[in-house]
Amino acid sequence: LKIPPGSKSGQRLRLRGRGLPGRPAGDLY
């Protein structure tokens, strides 16, 4: 996972399709 420069505590980044499997798969926040 790339953390962008200047990130802040509490900031959410999304990994699309890395959550629960299914059609469609969920995301991992």
PDB file of all heavy atoms in Angstrom:
ATOM      1  N   LEU A   1       0.859  -1.187   0.000  1.00  0.00           N
ATOM      2  CA  LEU A   1       0.000   0.000   0.000  1.00  0.00           C
ATOM      3  C   LEU A   1       0.888   1.228   0.000  1.00  0.00           C
ATOM      4  O   LEU A   1       1.801   1.341   0.829  1.00  0.00           O
ATOM      5  CB  LEU A   1      -0.901   0.007   1.243  1.00  0.00           C
ATOM      6  CG  LEU A   1      -1.742   1.259   1.464  1.00  0.00           C
ATOM      7  CD1 LEU A   1      -2.807   1.403   0.375  1.00  0.00           C
ATOM      8  CD2 LEU A   1      -2.390   1.225   2.835  1.00  0.00           C
ATOM      9  N   LYS A   2       0.614   2.145  -0.925  1.00  0.00           N
ATOM     10  CA  LYS A   2       1.354   3.405  -0.958  1.00  0.00           C
ATOM     11  C   LYS A   2       0.665   4.404  -0.050  1.00  0.00           C
ATOM     12  O   LYS A   2      -0.519   4.701  -0.210  1.00  0.00           O
ATOM     13  CB  LYS A   2       1.385   3.970  -2.378  1.00  0.00           C
ATOM     14  CG  LYS A   2       2.496   3.461  -3.200  1.00  0.00           C
ATOM     15  CD  LYS A   2       2.632   4.275  -4.462  1.00  0.00           C
ATOM     16  CE  LYS A   2       3.894   3.835  -5.164  1.00  0.00           C
ATOM     17  NZ  LYS A   2       4.155   4.595  -6.362  1.00  0.00           N
ATOM     18  N   ILE A   3       1.426   4.896   0.902  1.00  0.00           N
ATOM     19  CA  ILE A   3       0.938   5.963   1.778  1.00  0.00           C
ATOM     20  C   ILE A   3       1.426   7.266   1.165  1.00  0.00           C
ATOM     21  O   ILE A   3       2.633   7.463   1.006  1.00  0.00           O
ATOM     22  CB  ILE A   3       1.471   5.787   3.209  1.00  0.00           C
ATOM     23  CG1 ILE A   3       0.966   4.469   3.785  1.00  0.00           C
ATOM     24  CG2 ILE A   3       1.060   6.961   4.088  1.00  0.00           C
ATOM     25  CD1 ILE A   3       1.567   4.108   5.119  1.00  0.00           C
ATOM     26  N   PRO A   4       0.506   8.165   0.787  1.00  0.00           N
ATOM     27  CA  PRO A   4       0.951   9.410   0.150  1.00  0.00           C
ATOM     28  C   PRO A   4       1.647  10.344   1.135  1.00  0.00           C
ATOM     29  O   PRO A   4       1.316  10.354   2.323  1.00  0.00           O
ATOM     30  CB  PRO A   4      -0.343  10.035  -0.370  1.00  0.00           C
ATOM     31  CG  PRO A   4      -1.462   9.295   0.243  1.00  0.00           C
ATOM     32  CD  PRO A   4      -0.937   8.035   0.840  1.00  0.00           C
ATOM     33  N   PRO A   5       2.618  11.127   0.647  1.00  0.00           N
ATOM     34  CA  PRO A   5       3.264  12.122   1.519  1.00  0.00           C
ATOM     35  C   PRO A   5       2.226  13.079   2.100  1.00  0.00           C
ATOM     36  O   PRO A   5       1.248  13.429   1.436  1.00  0.00           O
ATOM     37  CB  PRO A   5       4.217  12.863   0.584  1.00  0.00           C
ATOM     38  CG  PRO A   5       4.412  11.954  -0.583  1.00  0.00           C
ATOM     39  CD  PRO A   5       3.147  11.150  -0.706  1.00  0.00           C
ATOM     40  N   GLY A   6       2.422  13.477   3.340  1.00  0.00           N
ATOM     41  CA  GLY A   6       1.503  14.410   3.989  1.00  0.00           C
ATOM     42  C   GLY A   6       0.244  13.757   4.520  1.00  0.00           C
ATOM     43  O   GLY A   6      -0.726  14.448   4.828  1.00  0.00           O
ATOM     44  N   SER A   7       0.237  12.440   4.658  1.00  0.00           N
ATOM     45  CA  SER A   7      -0.938  11.746   5.192  1.00  0.00           C
ATOM     46  C   SER A   7      -1.152  12.123   6.649  1.00  0.00           C
ATOM     47  O   SER A   7      -0.222  12.479   7.361  1.00  0.00           O
ATOM     48  CB  SER A   7      -0.755  10.230   5.067  1.00  0.00           C
ATOM     49  OG  SER A   7      -0.769   9.841   3.720  1.00  0.00           O
ATOM     50  N   LYS A   8      -2.404  12.029   7.074  1.00  0.00           N
ATOM     51  CA  LYS A   8      -2.771  12.405   8.435  1.00  0.00           C
ATOM     52  C   LYS A   8      -3.368  11.213   9.163  1.00  0.00           C
ATOM     53  O   LYS A   8      -3.933  10.317   8.544  1.00  0.00           O
ATOM     54  CB  LYS A   8      -3.779  13.540   8.396  1.00  0.00           C
ATOM     55  CG  LYS A   8      -3.207  14.809   7.785  1.00  0.00           C
ATOM     56  CD  LYS A   8      -4.217  15.918   7.787  1.00  0.00           C
ATOM     57  CE  LYS A   8      -3.729  17.223   7.250  1.00  0.00           C
ATOM     58  NZ  LYS A   8      -2.535  17.269   6.477  1.00  0.00           N
ATOM     59  N   SER A   9      -3.278  11.236  10.467  1.00  0.00           N
ATOM     60  CA  SER A   9      -3.897  10.203  11.281  1.00  0.00           C
ATOM     61  C   SER A   9      -5.408  10.244  11.070  1.00  0.00           C
ATOM     62  O   SER A   9      -6.010  11.317  11.028  1.00  0.00           O
ATOM     63  CB  SER A   9      -3.560  10.441  12.760  1.00  0.00           C
ATOM     64  OG  SER A   9      -3.808   9.296  13.504  1.00  0.00           O
ATOM     65  N   GLY A  10      -6.010   9.085  10.900  1.00  0.00           N
ATOM     66  CA  GLY A  10      -7.446   9.011  10.650  1.00  0.00           C
ATOM     67  C   GLY A  10      -7.791   8.969   9.173  1.00  0.00           C
ATOM     68  O   GLY A  10      -8.927   8.654   8.811  1.00  0.00           O
ATOM     69  N   GLN A  11      -6.842   9.270   8.313  1.00  0.00           N
ATOM     70  CA  GLN A  11      -7.085   9.251   6.871  1.00  0.00           C
ATOM     71  C   GLN A  11      -7.393   7.824   6.432  1.00  0.00           C
ATOM     72  O   GLN A  11      -6.787   6.875   6.899  1.00  0.00           O
ATOM     73  CB  GLN A  11      -5.856   9.778   6.146  1.00  0.00           C
ATOM     74  CG  GLN A  11      -6.007   9.902   4.660  1.00  0.00           C
ATOM     75  CD  GLN A  11      -4.801  10.612   4.046  1.00  0.00           C
ATOM     76  OE1 GLN A  11      -4.084  11.339   4.722  1.00  0.00           O
ATOM     77  NE2 GLN A  11      -4.588  10.388   2.778  1.00  0.00           N
ATOM     78  N   ARG A  12      -8.375   7.690   5.509  1.00  0.00           N
ATOM     79  CA  ARG A  12      -8.758   6.367   5.004  1.00  0.00           C
ATOM     80  C   ARG A  12      -8.254   6.185   3.583  1.00  0.00           C
ATOM     81  O   ARG A  12      -8.430   7.061   2.739  1.00  0.00           O
ATOM     82  CB  ARG A  12     -10.274   6.199   5.010  1.00  0.00           C
ATOM     83  CG  ARG A  12     -10.826   5.859   6.337  1.00  0.00           C
ATOM     84  CD  ARG A  12     -12.317   5.624   6.388  1.00  0.00           C
ATOM     85  NE  ARG A  12     -13.003   5.454   5.147  1.00  0.00           N
ATOM     86  CZ  ARG A  12     -14.091   4.720   4.994  1.00  0.00           C
ATOM     87  NH1 ARG A  12     -14.615   4.100   6.018  1.00  0.00           N
ATOM     88  NH2 ARG A  12     -14.684   4.619   3.839  1.00  0.00           N
ATOM     89  N   LEU A  13      -7.660   5.022   3.339  1.00  0.00           N
ATOM     90  CA  LEU A  13      -7.217   4.638   2.005  1.00  0.00           C
ATOM     91  C   LEU A  13      -7.988   3.380   1.613  1.00  0.00           C
ATOM     92  O   LEU A  13      -8.235   2.516   2.459  1.00  0.00           O
ATOM     93  CB  LEU A  13      -5.713   4.371   1.989  1.00  0.00           C
ATOM     94  CG  LEU A  13      -4.824   5.520   2.467  1.00  0.00           C
ATOM     95  CD1 LEU A  13      -3.378   5.074   2.547  1.00  0.00           C
ATOM     96  CD2 LEU A  13      -4.960   6.725   1.558  1.00  0.00           C
ATOM     97  N   ARG A  14      -8.363   3.273   0.342  1.00  0.00           N
ATOM     98  CA  ARG A  14      -9.185   2.143  -0.099  1.00  0.00           C
ATOM     99  C   ARG A  14      -8.381   1.184  -0.962  1.00  0.00           C
ATOM    100  O   ARG A  14      -7.690   1.603  -1.885  1.00  0.00           O
ATOM    101  CB  ARG A  14     -10.381   2.642  -0.899  1.00  0.00           C
ATOM    102  CG  ARG A  14     -11.298   1.515  -1.341  1.00  0.00           C
ATOM    103  CD  ARG A  14     -12.541   2.037  -1.956  1.00  0.00           C
ATOM    104  NE  ARG A  14     -12.281   2.393  -3.345  1.00  0.00           N
ATOM    105  CZ  ARG A  14     -13.225   2.705  -4.217  1.00  0.00           C
ATOM    106  NH1 ARG A  14     -14.484   2.758  -3.841  1.00  0.00           N
ATOM    107  NH2 ARG A  14     -12.908   2.997  -5.448  1.00  0.00           N
ATOM    108  N   LEU A  15      -8.512  -0.085  -0.639  1.00  0.00           N
ATOM    109  CA  LEU A  15      -7.985  -1.147  -1.478  1.00  0.00           C
ATOM    110  C   LEU A  15      -9.194  -1.826  -2.121  1.00  0.00           C
ATOM    111  O   LEU A  15      -9.891  -2.629  -1.495  1.00  0.00           O
ATOM    112  CB  LEU A  15      -7.160  -2.144  -0.656  1.00  0.00           C
ATOM    113  CG  LEU A  15      -5.848  -1.600  -0.093  1.00  0.00           C
ATOM    114  CD1 LEU A  15      -5.238  -2.574   0.900  1.00  0.00           C
ATOM    115  CD2 LEU A  15      -4.882  -1.317  -1.222  1.00  0.00           C
ATOM    116  N   ARG A  16      -9.449  -1.471  -3.362  1.00  0.00           N
ATOM    117  CA  ARG A  16     -10.638  -1.946  -4.074  1.00  0.00           C
ATOM    118  C   ARG A  16     -10.591  -3.464  -4.261  1.00  0.00           C
ATOM    119  O   ARG A  16      -9.581  -4.028  -4.662  1.00  0.00           O
ATOM    120  CB  ARG A  16     -10.721  -1.273  -5.437  1.00  0.00           C
ATOM    121  CG  ARG A  16     -12.005  -1.561  -6.180  1.00  0.00           C
ATOM    122  CD  ARG A  16     -11.983  -0.944  -7.553  1.00  0.00           C
ATOM    123  NE  ARG A  16     -11.790   0.491  -7.489  1.00  0.00           N
ATOM    124  CZ  ARG A  16     -12.744   1.398  -7.699  1.00  0.00           C
ATOM    125  NH1 ARG A  16     -13.954   0.998  -8.025  1.00  0.00           N
ATOM    126  NH2 ARG A  16     -12.479   2.672  -7.630  1.00  0.00           N
ATOM    127  N   GLY A  17     -11.702  -4.113  -3.926  1.00  0.00           N
ATOM    128  CA  GLY A  17     -11.834  -5.542  -4.133  1.00  0.00           C
ATOM    129  C   GLY A  17     -11.085  -6.409  -3.147  1.00  0.00           C
ATOM    130  O   GLY A  17     -11.023  -7.620  -3.319  1.00  0.00           O
ATOM    131  N   ARG A  18     -10.522  -5.808  -2.089  1.00  0.00           N
ATOM    132  CA  ARG A  18      -9.749  -6.578  -1.110  1.00  0.00           C
ATOM    133  C   ARG A  18     -10.530  -6.847   0.171  1.00  0.00           C
ATOM    134  O   ARG A  18      -9.972  -7.301   1.161  1.00  0.00           O
ATOM    135  CB  ARG A  18      -8.454  -5.848  -0.760  1.00  0.00           C
ATOM    136  CG  ARG A  18      -7.502  -5.710  -1.903  1.00  0.00           C
ATOM    137  CD  ARG A  18      -6.976  -7.060  -2.295  1.00  0.00           C
ATOM    138  NE  ARG A  18      -5.973  -6.938  -3.347  1.00  0.00           N
ATOM    139  CZ  ARG A  18      -5.079  -7.858  -3.588  1.00  0.00           C
ATOM    140  NH1 ARG A  18      -5.054  -8.963  -2.883  1.00  0.00           N
ATOM    141  NH2 ARG A  18      -4.217  -7.693  -4.562  1.00  0.00           N
ATOM    142  N   GLY A  19     -11.848  -6.601   0.139  1.00  0.00           N
ATOM    143  CA  GLY A  19     -12.690  -6.887   1.297  1.00  0.00           C
ATOM    144  C   GLY A  19     -13.213  -8.304   1.242  1.00  0.00           C
ATOM    145  O   GLY A  19     -12.516  -9.222   0.797  1.00  0.00           O
ATOM    146  N   LEU A  20     -14.462  -8.504   1.648  1.00  0.00           N
ATOM    147  CA  LEU A  20     -15.042  -9.837   1.623  1.00  0.00           C
ATOM    148  C   LEU A  20     -15.277 -10.280   0.184  1.00  0.00           C
ATOM    149  O   LEU A  20     -15.679  -9.477  -0.662  1.00  0.00           O
ATOM    150  CB  LEU A  20     -16.359  -9.850   2.409  1.00  0.00           C
ATOM    151  CG  LEU A  20     -16.216  -9.607   3.911  1.00  0.00           C
ATOM    152  CD1 LEU A  20     -17.585  -9.537   4.564  1.00  0.00           C
ATOM    153  CD2 LEU A  20     -15.381 -10.702   4.556  1.00  0.00           C
ATOM    154  N   PRO A  21     -15.023 -11.560  -0.106  1.00  0.00           N
ATOM    155  CA  PRO A  21     -15.230 -12.046  -1.469  1.00  0.00           C
ATOM    156  C   PRO A  21     -16.705 -12.050  -1.823  1.00  0.00           C
ATOM    157  O   PRO A  21     -17.579 -12.110  -0.956  1.00  0.00           O
ATOM    158  CB  PRO A  21     -14.656 -13.463  -1.428  1.00  0.00           C
ATOM    159  CG  PRO A  21     -14.586 -13.842   0.002  1.00  0.00           C
ATOM    160  CD  PRO A  21     -14.528 -12.578   0.795  1.00  0.00           C
ATOM    161  N   GLY A  22     -16.984 -11.987  -3.093  1.00  0.00           N
ATOM    162  CA  GLY A  22     -18.356 -11.991  -3.578  1.00  0.00           C
ATOM    163  C   GLY A  22     -18.423 -11.339  -4.932  1.00  0.00           C
ATOM    164  O   GLY A  22     -17.404 -11.001  -5.539  1.00  0.00           O
ATOM    165  N   ARG A  23     -19.612 -11.168  -5.426  1.00  0.00           N
ATOM    166  CA  ARG A  23     -19.830 -10.511  -6.715  1.00  0.00           C
ATOM    167  C   ARG A  23     -20.759  -9.339  -6.494  1.00  0.00           C
ATOM    168  O   ARG A  23     -21.961  -9.547  -6.373  1.00  0.00           O
ATOM    169  CB  ARG A  23     -20.435 -11.485  -7.717  1.00  0.00           C
ATOM    170  CG  ARG A  23     -19.477 -12.582  -8.059  1.00  0.00           C
ATOM    171  CD  ARG A  23     -20.015 -13.392  -9.202  1.00  0.00           C
ATOM    172  NE  ARG A  23     -19.188 -14.557  -9.394  1.00  0.00           N
ATOM    173  CZ  ARG A  23     -18.290 -14.663 -10.362  1.00  0.00           C
ATOM    174  NH1 ARG A  23     -18.136 -13.693 -11.216  1.00  0.00           N
ATOM    175  NH2 ARG A  23     -17.581 -15.751 -10.470  1.00  0.00           N
ATOM    176  N   PRO A  24     -20.256  -8.140  -6.373  1.00  0.00           N
ATOM    177  CA  PRO A  24     -18.849  -7.775  -6.433  1.00  0.00           C
ATOM    178  C   PRO A  24     -18.169  -7.978  -5.071  1.00  0.00           C
ATOM    179  O   PRO A  24     -18.828  -8.012  -4.025  1.00  0.00           O
ATOM    180  CB  PRO A  24     -18.881  -6.293  -6.786  1.00  0.00           C
ATOM    181  CG  PRO A  24     -20.133  -5.796  -6.148  1.00  0.00           C
ATOM    182  CD  PRO A  24     -21.119  -6.952  -6.249  1.00  0.00           C
ATOM    183  N   ALA A  25     -16.856  -8.072  -5.116  1.00  0.00           N
ATOM    184  CA  ALA A  25     -16.087  -8.179  -3.875  1.00  0.00           C
ATOM    185  C   ALA A  25     -16.132  -6.843  -3.133  1.00  0.00           C
ATOM    186  O   ALA A  25     -16.237  -5.784  -3.753  1.00  0.00           O
ATOM    187  CB  ALA A  25     -14.639  -8.556  -4.180  1.00  0.00           C
ATOM    188  N   GLY A  26     -16.051  -6.906  -1.828  1.00  0.00           N
ATOM    189  CA  GLY A  26     -16.027  -5.680  -1.027  1.00  0.00           C
ATOM    190  C   GLY A  26     -14.646  -5.033  -1.071  1.00  0.00           C
ATOM    191  O   GLY A  26     -13.690  -5.583  -1.628  1.00  0.00           O
ATOM    192  N   ASP A  27     -14.545  -3.860  -0.497  1.00  0.00           N
ATOM    193  CA  ASP A  27     -13.290  -3.124  -0.435  1.00  0.00           C
ATOM    194  C   ASP A  27     -12.708  -3.216   0.969  1.00  0.00           C
ATOM    195  O   ASP A  27     -13.432  -3.449   1.937  1.00  0.00           O
ATOM    196  CB  ASP A  27     -13.503  -1.647  -0.792  1.00  0.00           C
ATOM    197  CG  ASP A  27     -14.014  -1.459  -2.215  1.00  0.00           C
ATOM    198  OD1 ASP A  27     -13.686  -2.295  -3.083  1.00  0.00           O
ATOM    199  OD2 ASP A  27     -14.740  -0.481  -2.455  1.00  0.00           O
ATOM    200  N   LEU A  28     -11.412  -3.025   1.057  1.00  0.00           N
ATOM    201  CA  LEU A  28     -10.737  -2.942   2.351  1.00  0.00           C
ATOM    202  C   LEU A  28     -10.374  -1.488   2.570  1.00  0.00           C
ATOM    203  O   LEU A  28      -9.658  -0.891   1.760  1.00  0.00           O
ATOM    204  CB  LEU A  28      -9.476  -3.817   2.369  1.00  0.00           C
ATOM    205  CG  LEU A  28      -8.585  -3.705   3.605  1.00  0.00           C
ATOM    206  CD1 LEU A  28      -9.335  -4.097   4.876  1.00  0.00           C
ATOM    207  CD2 LEU A  28      -7.351  -4.581   3.440  1.00  0.00           C
ATOM    208  N   TYR A  29     -10.905  -0.893   3.630  1.00  0.00           N
ATOM    209  CA  TYR A  29     -10.598   0.486   3.979  1.00  0.00           C
ATOM    210  C   TYR A  29      -9.559   0.495   5.085  1.00  0.00           C
ATOM    211  O   TYR A  29      -9.771  -0.085   6.150  1.00  0.00           O
ATOM    212  CB  TYR A  29     -11.858   1.229   4.426  1.00  0.00           C
ATOM    213  CG  TYR A  29     -12.805   1.484   3.287  1.00  0.00           C
ATOM    214  CD1 TYR A  29     -13.850   0.611   3.011  1.00  0.00           C
ATOM    215  CD2 TYR A  29     -12.626   2.582   2.456  1.00  0.00           C
ATOM    216  CE1 TYR A  29     -14.712   0.833   1.948  1.00  0.00           C
ATOM    217  CE2 TYR A  29     -13.484   2.818   1.395  1.00  0.00           C
ATOM    218  CZ  TYR A  29     -14.519   1.929   1.151  1.00  0.00           C
ATOM    219  OH  TYR A  29     -15.349   2.161   0.091  1.00  0.00           O
TER     220      TYR A  29
END
